[in-house]
Amino acid sequence: MAIKSSSGRTIAALTVGVLAGSLFAAGGMAAASSDSGVINACVKNGSGDVRIVAETTTCRANERKLSWNENIPQGPADSIKASVEHGDFNFPGSGNKIVYCPSGKTATGGGFFLDEPAENGREIIASAPLVAKDKPTGWLAVARKAKGTVYVICV
């Protein structure tokens, strides 16, 4: 299809350019996916912006190549069972409370909850994983003039 300008001239070159661009874009989309289900991308360092690309594309200097398969089999639904352990504390002065994971489990996170507002000198001084033999086995809270609960998430 041709386009006429305001002067009445036909702009066939523009029409050909638009058509060629459409075909190039469609071809690029086809090249970015493959029969194997592998998806290729270039990920921009720093921002994490992702460009889906063809397998043969070379990423830019500020990007890294990433490929993944959309058909990754799912593991058994019951393969990881998380539990949350907790323990209460009440320190009129300074003190610490440790909550351990059950034997054989690893601490993956934790924290605390204060029963009262943090005023009149009440404070949590530390909240951190407890590590034994290079393995997080529990959660530690160190507090002053505080009452609350320490939690640990275990898998």
N, C-alpha and C. Protein backbone atom coordinates (compact mmCIF):
# COMPACT_ATOMS: atom_id res chain seq x y z
N MET A 1 0.85 -1.16 0.00
CA MET A 1 0.00 0.00 0.00
C MET A 1 0.89 1.22 0.00
N ALA A 2 0.54 2.23 -0.72
CA ALA A 2 1.32 3.46 -0.83
C ALA A 2 0.68 4.55 0.01
N ILE A 3 1.50 5.49 0.43
CA ILE A 3 1.02 6.63 1.21
C ILE A 3 1.26 7.88 0.40
N LYS A 4 0.27 8.79 0.34
CA LYS A 4 0.41 10.04 -0.40
C LYS A 4 0.77 11.14 0.57
N SER A 5 1.75 11.96 0.19
CA SER A 5 2.13 13.10 1.01
C SER A 5 1.18 14.24 0.75
N SER A 6 1.35 15.34 1.49
CA SER A 6 0.46 16.50 1.32
C SER A 6 0.61 17.10 -0.06
N SER A 7 1.75 16.87 -0.72
CA SER A 7 1.94 17.39 -2.07
C SER A 7 1.38 16.45 -3.12
N GLY A 8 0.86 15.30 -2.68
CA GLY A 8 0.24 14.37 -3.61
C GLY A 8 1.18 13.29 -4.11
N ARG A 9 2.47 13.30 -3.69
CA ARG A 9 3.42 12.26 -4.13
C ARG A 9 3.22 10.98 -3.33
N THR A 10 3.43 9.88 -3.95
CA THR A 10 3.32 8.58 -3.31
C THR A 10 4.65 8.26 -2.63
N ILE A 11 4.56 7.82 -1.41
CA ILE A 11 5.76 7.49 -0.65
C ILE A 11 5.83 5.97 -0.54
N ALA A 12 6.25 5.34 -1.60
CA ALA A 12 6.34 3.88 -1.64
C ALA A 12 7.49 3.39 -0.78
N ALA A 13 8.57 4.14 -0.73
CA ALA A 13 9.74 3.71 0.04
C ALA A 13 9.38 3.55 1.51
N LEU A 14 8.57 4.43 2.04
CA LEU A 14 8.14 4.35 3.44
C LEU A 14 7.34 3.08 3.67
N THR A 15 6.48 2.77 2.73
CA THR A 15 5.67 1.56 2.86
C THR A 15 6.55 0.32 2.86
N VAL A 16 7.52 0.28 1.98
CA VAL A 16 8.44 -0.86 1.92
C VAL A 16 9.24 -0.95 3.21
N GLY A 17 9.66 0.19 3.74
CA GLY A 17 10.43 0.21 4.99
C GLY A 17 9.62 -0.33 6.17
N VAL A 18 8.37 0.08 6.26
CA VAL A 18 7.51 -0.40 7.34
C VAL A 18 7.30 -1.91 7.22
N LEU A 19 7.07 -2.38 6.01
CA LEU A 19 6.87 -3.80 5.79
C LEU A 19 8.14 -4.58 6.15
N ALA A 20 9.28 -4.10 5.72
CA ALA A 20 10.55 -4.78 6.02
C ALA A 20 10.81 -4.80 7.52
N GLY A 21 10.51 -3.70 8.19
CA GLY A 21 10.69 -3.64 9.64
C GLY A 21 9.81 -4.63 10.36
N SER A 22 8.58 -4.79 9.91
CA SER A 22 7.66 -5.74 10.51
C SER A 22 8.17 -7.17 10.35
N LEU A 23 8.66 -7.48 9.16
CA LEU A 23 9.20 -8.82 8.92
C LEU A 23 10.44 -9.07 9.76
N PHE A 24 11.30 -8.06 9.90
CA PHE A 24 12.52 -8.19 10.71
C PHE A 24 12.15 -8.44 12.17
N ALA A 25 11.16 -7.70 12.68
CA ALA A 25 10.74 -7.88 14.07
C ALA A 25 10.16 -9.27 14.28
N ALA A 26 9.35 -9.74 13.35
CA ALA A 26 8.77 -11.08 13.48
C ALA A 26 9.86 -12.14 13.42
N GLY A 27 10.85 -11.95 12.55
CA GLY A 27 11.96 -12.89 12.46
C GLY A 27 12.78 -12.88 13.73
N GLY A 28 12.96 -11.71 14.32
CA GLY A 28 13.71 -11.60 15.57
C GLY A 28 13.01 -12.31 16.70
N MET A 29 11.70 -12.22 16.76
CA MET A 29 10.93 -12.91 17.79
C MET A 29 11.07 -14.41 17.62
N ALA A 30 11.04 -14.87 16.37
CA ALA A 30 11.18 -16.30 16.14
C ALA A 30 12.57 -16.77 16.53
N ALA A 31 13.58 -15.94 16.31
CA ALA A 31 14.95 -16.33 16.65
C ALA A 31 15.17 -16.35 18.15
N ALA A 32 14.41 -15.54 18.89
CA ALA A 32 14.61 -15.47 20.34
C ALA A 32 14.09 -16.72 21.05
N SER A 33 13.15 -17.41 20.44
CA SER A 33 12.66 -18.65 21.05
C SER A 33 13.19 -19.81 20.21
N SER A 34 13.21 -20.97 20.78
CA SER A 34 13.71 -22.13 20.05
C SER A 34 12.83 -23.32 20.33
N ASP A 35 13.00 -24.35 19.53
CA ASP A 35 12.21 -25.57 19.69
C ASP A 35 12.52 -26.26 21.02
N SER A 36 13.73 -26.05 21.57
CA SER A 36 14.12 -26.72 22.81
C SER A 36 13.49 -26.08 24.04
N GLY A 37 12.85 -24.93 23.88
CA GLY A 37 12.25 -24.24 25.02
C GLY A 37 13.23 -23.40 25.80
N VAL A 38 14.48 -23.26 25.31
CA VAL A 38 15.48 -22.44 26.00
C VAL A 38 15.24 -20.98 25.67
N ILE A 39 15.24 -20.16 26.69
CA ILE A 39 15.07 -18.71 26.54
C ILE A 39 16.41 -18.06 26.81
N ASN A 40 16.83 -17.18 25.92
CA ASN A 40 18.11 -16.48 26.05
C ASN A 40 17.85 -15.01 26.29
N ALA A 41 18.66 -14.42 27.15
CA ALA A 41 18.47 -13.00 27.46
C ALA A 41 19.82 -12.36 27.77
N CYS A 42 19.85 -11.04 27.64
CA CYS A 42 20.98 -10.24 28.09
C CYS A 42 20.46 -9.42 29.27
N VAL A 43 21.16 -9.50 30.41
CA VAL A 43 20.74 -8.82 31.63
C VAL A 43 21.71 -7.67 31.90
N LYS A 44 21.18 -6.46 32.01
CA LYS A 44 22.02 -5.28 32.23
C LYS A 44 22.56 -5.28 33.66
N ASN A 45 23.89 -5.16 33.79
CA ASN A 45 24.53 -5.10 35.10
C ASN A 45 24.01 -3.88 35.87
N GLY A 46 23.80 -4.02 37.13
CA GLY A 46 23.33 -2.91 37.95
C GLY A 46 21.82 -2.84 38.03
N SER A 47 21.15 -2.61 36.91
CA SER A 47 19.69 -2.42 36.93
C SER A 47 18.92 -3.73 36.84
N GLY A 48 19.52 -4.75 36.21
CA GLY A 48 18.82 -6.02 36.04
C GLY A 48 17.83 -6.04 34.91
N ASP A 49 17.82 -4.97 34.05
CA ASP A 49 16.92 -4.94 32.90
C ASP A 49 17.23 -6.12 32.00
N VAL A 50 16.18 -6.74 31.45
CA VAL A 50 16.34 -7.97 30.65
C VAL A 50 15.90 -7.71 29.22
N ARG A 51 16.73 -8.19 28.28
CA ARG A 51 16.37 -8.20 26.86
C ARG A 51 16.35 -9.64 26.41
N ILE A 52 15.23 -10.12 25.88
CA ILE A 52 15.17 -11.47 25.32
C ILE A 52 15.86 -11.41 23.96
N VAL A 53 16.81 -12.33 23.73
CA VAL A 53 17.62 -12.30 22.51
C VAL A 53 17.70 -13.70 21.91
N ALA A 54 18.25 -13.75 20.70
CA ALA A 54 18.50 -15.03 20.04
C ALA A 54 19.70 -15.70 20.70
N GLU A 55 19.79 -17.01 20.54
CA GLU A 55 20.88 -17.77 21.16
C GLU A 55 22.24 -17.28 20.71
N THR A 56 22.35 -16.82 19.48
CA THR A 56 23.64 -16.39 18.92
C THR A 56 23.97 -14.92 19.20
N THR A 57 23.07 -14.20 19.85
CA THR A 57 23.31 -12.79 20.14
C THR A 57 24.44 -12.62 21.14
N THR A 58 25.32 -11.65 20.87
CA THR A 58 26.37 -11.29 21.81
C THR A 58 25.85 -10.13 22.65
N CYS A 59 25.89 -10.28 23.97
CA CYS A 59 25.40 -9.22 24.86
C CYS A 59 26.35 -8.04 24.82
N ARG A 60 25.86 -6.87 25.18
CA ARG A 60 26.66 -5.65 25.23
C ARG A 60 27.65 -5.74 26.38
N ALA A 61 28.62 -4.81 26.39
CA ALA A 61 29.68 -4.83 27.39
C ALA A 61 29.15 -4.70 28.82
N ASN A 62 28.03 -4.01 29.00
CA ASN A 62 27.47 -3.81 30.34
C ASN A 62 26.34 -4.81 30.65
N GLU A 63 26.33 -5.93 29.94
CA GLU A 63 25.32 -6.97 30.14
C GLU A 63 25.98 -8.33 30.32
N ARG A 64 25.21 -9.27 30.86
CA ARG A 64 25.66 -10.65 30.96
C ARG A 64 24.58 -11.54 30.34
N LYS A 65 25.01 -12.65 29.78
CA LYS A 65 24.10 -13.58 29.09
C LYS A 65 23.44 -14.49 30.12
N LEU A 66 22.17 -14.77 29.93
CA LEU A 66 21.42 -15.65 30.81
C LEU A 66 20.52 -16.51 29.95
N SER A 67 20.51 -17.80 30.22
CA SER A 67 19.64 -18.73 29.50
C SER A 67 18.91 -19.61 30.51
N TRP A 68 17.68 -19.95 30.21
CA TRP A 68 16.94 -20.86 31.07
C TRP A 68 15.93 -21.63 30.25
N ASN A 69 15.49 -22.72 30.80
CA ASN A 69 14.54 -23.60 30.12
C ASN A 69 13.19 -23.43 30.78
N GLU A 70 12.19 -23.08 30.02
CA GLU A 70 10.86 -22.87 30.58
C GLU A 70 10.18 -24.17 30.99
N ASN A 71 10.78 -25.30 30.62
CA ASN A 71 10.20 -26.61 30.94
C ASN A 71 10.92 -27.28 32.10
N ILE A 72 11.31 -26.53 33.10
CA ILE A 72 12.01 -27.10 34.25
C ILE A 72 11.03 -27.96 35.04
N PRO A 73 11.39 -29.21 35.30
CA PRO A 73 10.46 -30.06 36.06
C PRO A 73 10.37 -29.58 37.51
N GLN A 74 9.19 -29.62 38.05
CA GLN A 74 8.97 -29.23 39.43
C GLN A 74 9.34 -30.38 40.36
N GLY A 75 10.00 -30.04 41.45
CA GLY A 75 10.36 -31.04 42.44
C GLY A 75 9.13 -31.48 43.22
N PRO A 76 9.29 -32.49 44.05
CA PRO A 76 8.16 -32.96 44.85
C PRO A 76 7.64 -31.85 45.76
N ALA A 77 6.35 -31.74 45.89
CA ALA A 77 5.74 -30.67 46.67
C ALA A 77 6.12 -30.73 48.14
N ASP A 78 6.43 -31.90 48.64
CA ASP A 78 6.74 -32.03 50.06
C ASP A 78 8.24 -32.17 50.32
N SER A 79 9.07 -31.76 49.36
CA SER A 79 10.51 -31.96 49.53
C SER A 79 11.12 -31.04 50.60
N ILE A 80 10.54 -29.87 50.82
CA ILE A 80 11.05 -28.95 51.85
C ILE A 80 9.88 -28.57 52.76
N LYS A 81 10.06 -28.82 54.03
CA LYS A 81 9.03 -28.45 55.00
C LYS A 81 9.65 -27.44 55.96
N ALA A 82 9.11 -26.25 55.94
CA ALA A 82 9.60 -25.20 56.83
C ALA A 82 8.80 -25.23 58.13
N SER A 83 9.46 -24.81 59.19
CA SER A 83 8.77 -24.66 60.47
C SER A 83 9.21 -23.35 61.09
N VAL A 84 8.39 -22.82 61.95
CA VAL A 84 8.71 -21.59 62.68
C VAL A 84 8.74 -21.93 64.16
N GLU A 85 9.88 -21.69 64.77
CA GLU A 85 10.03 -21.90 66.21
C GLU A 85 10.04 -20.52 66.87
N HIS A 86 9.60 -20.46 68.12
CA HIS A 86 9.58 -19.15 68.80
C HIS A 86 9.80 -19.34 70.29
N GLY A 87 10.20 -18.26 70.91
CA GLY A 87 10.39 -18.25 72.36
C GLY A 87 10.19 -16.85 72.90
N ASP A 88 9.54 -16.76 74.05
CA ASP A 88 9.25 -15.46 74.66
C ASP A 88 10.42 -15.01 75.52
N PHE A 89 10.56 -13.69 75.68
CA PHE A 89 11.56 -13.13 76.57
C PHE A 89 10.97 -11.96 77.33
N ASN A 90 11.55 -11.71 78.50
CA ASN A 90 11.14 -10.56 79.32
C ASN A 90 12.36 -10.16 80.14
N PHE A 91 13.00 -9.08 79.74
CA PHE A 91 14.23 -8.64 80.38
C PHE A 91 14.01 -7.30 81.08
N PRO A 92 14.05 -7.28 82.43
CA PRO A 92 13.96 -6.00 83.13
C PRO A 92 15.25 -5.19 82.93
N GLY A 93 16.37 -5.88 82.72
CA GLY A 93 17.64 -5.25 82.39
C GLY A 93 18.03 -5.71 81.01
N SER A 94 19.30 -6.04 80.81
CA SER A 94 19.76 -6.58 79.52
C SER A 94 19.73 -8.10 79.56
N GLY A 95 19.50 -8.72 78.41
CA GLY A 95 19.49 -10.17 78.34
C GLY A 95 19.47 -10.63 76.90
N ASN A 96 19.55 -11.94 76.72
CA ASN A 96 19.45 -12.47 75.36
C ASN A 96 18.60 -13.72 75.36
N LYS A 97 18.00 -13.97 74.23
CA LYS A 97 17.15 -15.15 74.04
C LYS A 97 17.55 -15.80 72.73
N ILE A 98 17.79 -17.12 72.78
CA ILE A 98 18.11 -17.90 71.59
C ILE A 98 16.99 -18.90 71.35
N VAL A 99 16.54 -18.99 70.14
CA VAL A 99 15.57 -20.00 69.74
C VAL A 99 16.27 -20.88 68.70
N TYR A 100 16.30 -22.19 68.96
CA TYR A 100 17.00 -23.13 68.09
C TYR A 100 16.04 -23.82 67.13
N CYS A 101 16.58 -24.21 65.97
CA CYS A 101 15.85 -25.06 65.03
C CYS A 101 15.90 -26.49 65.55
N PRO A 102 14.93 -27.33 65.18
CA PRO A 102 15.00 -28.74 65.54
C PRO A 102 16.27 -29.37 64.95
N SER A 103 16.75 -30.42 65.53
CA SER A 103 17.96 -31.11 65.09
C SER A 103 17.89 -31.45 63.61
N GLY A 104 18.95 -31.13 62.88
CA GLY A 104 19.02 -31.43 61.45
C GLY A 104 18.45 -30.34 60.56
N LYS A 105 17.82 -29.33 61.12
CA LYS A 105 17.23 -28.25 60.33
C LYS A 105 18.17 -27.06 60.32
N THR A 106 18.02 -26.19 59.32
CA THR A 106 18.85 -24.99 59.15
C THR A 106 17.99 -23.75 59.28
N ALA A 107 18.51 -22.76 60.00
CA ALA A 107 17.81 -21.48 60.12
C ALA A 107 17.97 -20.70 58.81
N THR A 108 16.85 -20.23 58.27
CA THR A 108 16.89 -19.44 57.03
C THR A 108 16.48 -18.00 57.25
N GLY A 109 16.00 -17.68 58.43
CA GLY A 109 15.59 -16.32 58.75
C GLY A 109 15.04 -16.27 60.16
N GLY A 110 14.77 -15.07 60.60
CA GLY A 110 14.23 -14.92 61.94
C GLY A 110 14.01 -13.47 62.28
N GLY A 111 13.64 -13.23 63.50
CA GLY A 111 13.38 -11.86 63.93
C GLY A 111 12.75 -11.84 65.30
N PHE A 112 12.10 -10.74 65.61
CA PHE A 112 11.51 -10.56 66.92
C PHE A 112 10.27 -9.70 66.82
N PHE A 113 9.51 -9.72 67.89
CA PHE A 113 8.33 -8.88 68.03
C PHE A 113 8.33 -8.36 69.46
N LEU A 114 8.24 -7.06 69.62
CA LEU A 114 8.15 -6.47 70.96
C LEU A 114 6.69 -6.36 71.37
N ASP A 115 6.39 -6.78 72.60
CA ASP A 115 5.02 -6.70 73.11
C ASP A 115 4.64 -5.28 73.48
N GLU A 116 5.63 -4.44 73.73
CA GLU A 116 5.38 -3.06 74.15
C GLU A 116 6.13 -2.12 73.23
N PRO A 117 5.68 -0.89 73.13
CA PRO A 117 6.40 0.08 72.29
C PRO A 117 7.83 0.27 72.79
N ALA A 118 8.72 0.56 71.85
CA ALA A 118 10.13 0.77 72.19
C ALA A 118 10.31 2.18 72.77
N GLU A 119 10.01 2.31 74.05
CA GLU A 119 10.18 3.60 74.74
C GLU A 119 10.72 3.33 76.14
N ASN A 120 11.08 4.36 76.84
CA ASN A 120 11.62 4.23 78.19
C ASN A 120 12.83 3.30 78.24
N GLY A 121 13.69 3.38 77.24
CA GLY A 121 14.90 2.59 77.24
C GLY A 121 14.75 1.18 76.71
N ARG A 122 13.55 0.78 76.29
CA ARG A 122 13.36 -0.56 75.72
C ARG A 122 14.00 -0.58 74.35
N GLU A 123 14.77 -1.63 74.10
CA GLU A 123 15.37 -1.73 72.77
C GLU A 123 15.87 -3.14 72.48
N ILE A 124 15.91 -3.45 71.21
CA ILE A 124 16.58 -4.66 70.74
C ILE A 124 17.98 -4.22 70.34
N ILE A 125 18.97 -4.82 70.95
CA ILE A 125 20.35 -4.47 70.67
C ILE A 125 20.88 -5.27 69.49
N ALA A 126 20.45 -6.52 69.37
CA ALA A 126 20.88 -7.36 68.25
C ALA A 126 19.79 -8.36 67.90
N SER A 127 19.69 -8.67 66.63
CA SER A 127 18.80 -9.71 66.13
C SER A 127 19.55 -10.35 64.97
N ALA A 128 20.01 -11.60 65.16
CA ALA A 128 20.90 -12.21 64.18
C ALA A 128 20.82 -13.72 64.22
N PRO A 129 21.23 -14.37 63.12
CA PRO A 129 21.29 -15.84 63.13
C PRO A 129 22.36 -16.32 64.08
N LEU A 130 22.12 -17.45 64.70
CA LEU A 130 23.11 -18.10 65.56
C LEU A 130 23.77 -19.18 64.71
N VAL A 131 25.08 -19.09 64.53
CA VAL A 131 25.81 -20.01 63.65
C VAL A 131 26.70 -20.91 64.49
N ALA A 132 26.59 -22.21 64.25
CA ALA A 132 27.43 -23.20 64.92
C ALA A 132 28.02 -24.12 63.86
N LYS A 133 29.33 -24.25 63.82
CA LYS A 133 30.03 -25.10 62.84
C LYS A 133 29.63 -24.73 61.41
N ASP A 134 29.65 -23.43 61.12
CA ASP A 134 29.35 -22.88 59.79
C ASP A 134 27.92 -23.15 59.32
N LYS A 135 27.01 -23.43 60.24
CA LYS A 135 25.62 -23.69 59.88
C LYS A 135 24.71 -22.87 60.79
N PRO A 136 23.79 -22.07 60.22
CA PRO A 136 22.85 -21.33 61.06
C PRO A 136 21.86 -22.30 61.70
N THR A 137 21.86 -22.34 63.04
CA THR A 137 21.03 -23.31 63.76
C THR A 137 19.93 -22.67 64.59
N GLY A 138 19.89 -21.36 64.65
CA GLY A 138 18.88 -20.69 65.46
C GLY A 138 18.91 -19.20 65.25
N TRP A 139 18.18 -18.48 66.12
CA TRP A 139 18.12 -17.02 66.04
C TRP A 139 18.35 -16.44 67.43
N LEU A 140 19.11 -15.36 67.48
CA LEU A 140 19.48 -14.70 68.73
C LEU A 140 18.92 -13.29 68.76
N ALA A 141 18.31 -12.93 69.88
CA ALA A 141 17.89 -11.55 70.11
C ALA A 141 18.50 -11.10 71.43
N VAL A 142 19.13 -9.93 71.42
CA VAL A 142 19.69 -9.32 72.62
C VAL A 142 18.88 -8.05 72.86
N ALA A 143 18.36 -7.90 74.09
CA ALA A 143 17.46 -6.79 74.36
C ALA A 143 17.74 -6.18 75.73
N ARG A 144 17.17 -4.99 75.92
CA ARG A 144 17.26 -4.31 77.20
C ARG A 144 15.88 -3.74 77.52
N LYS A 145 15.44 -4.00 78.76
CA LYS A 145 14.13 -3.52 79.24
C LYS A 145 13.03 -3.81 78.22
N ALA A 146 12.99 -5.05 77.76
CA ALA A 146 12.04 -5.40 76.70
C ALA A 146 11.37 -6.73 76.98
N LYS A 147 10.17 -6.85 76.42
CA LYS A 147 9.37 -8.07 76.52
C LYS A 147 8.86 -8.37 75.12
N GLY A 148 8.98 -9.64 74.70
CA GLY A 148 8.51 -9.98 73.36
C GLY A 148 8.75 -11.42 73.01
N THR A 149 8.87 -11.68 71.71
CA THR A 149 9.03 -13.03 71.19
C THR A 149 10.10 -13.04 70.11
N VAL A 150 10.95 -14.06 70.12
CA VAL A 150 11.96 -14.29 69.09
C VAL A 150 11.45 -15.42 68.19
N TYR A 151 11.64 -15.26 66.87
CA TYR A 151 11.21 -16.27 65.92
C TYR A 151 12.39 -16.73 65.07
N VAL A 152 12.37 -18.00 64.65
CA VAL A 152 13.34 -18.52 63.71
C VAL A 152 12.60 -19.39 62.69
N ILE A 153 12.94 -19.23 61.41
CA ILE A 153 12.36 -20.04 60.34
C ILE A 153 13.38 -21.13 60.01
N CYS A 154 12.94 -22.36 60.03
CA CYS A 154 13.84 -23.52 59.86
C CYS A 154 13.40 -24.38 58.68
N VAL A 155 14.38 -24.88 57.92
CA VAL A 155 14.09 -25.85 56.85
C VAL A 155 15.08 -27.00 56.97
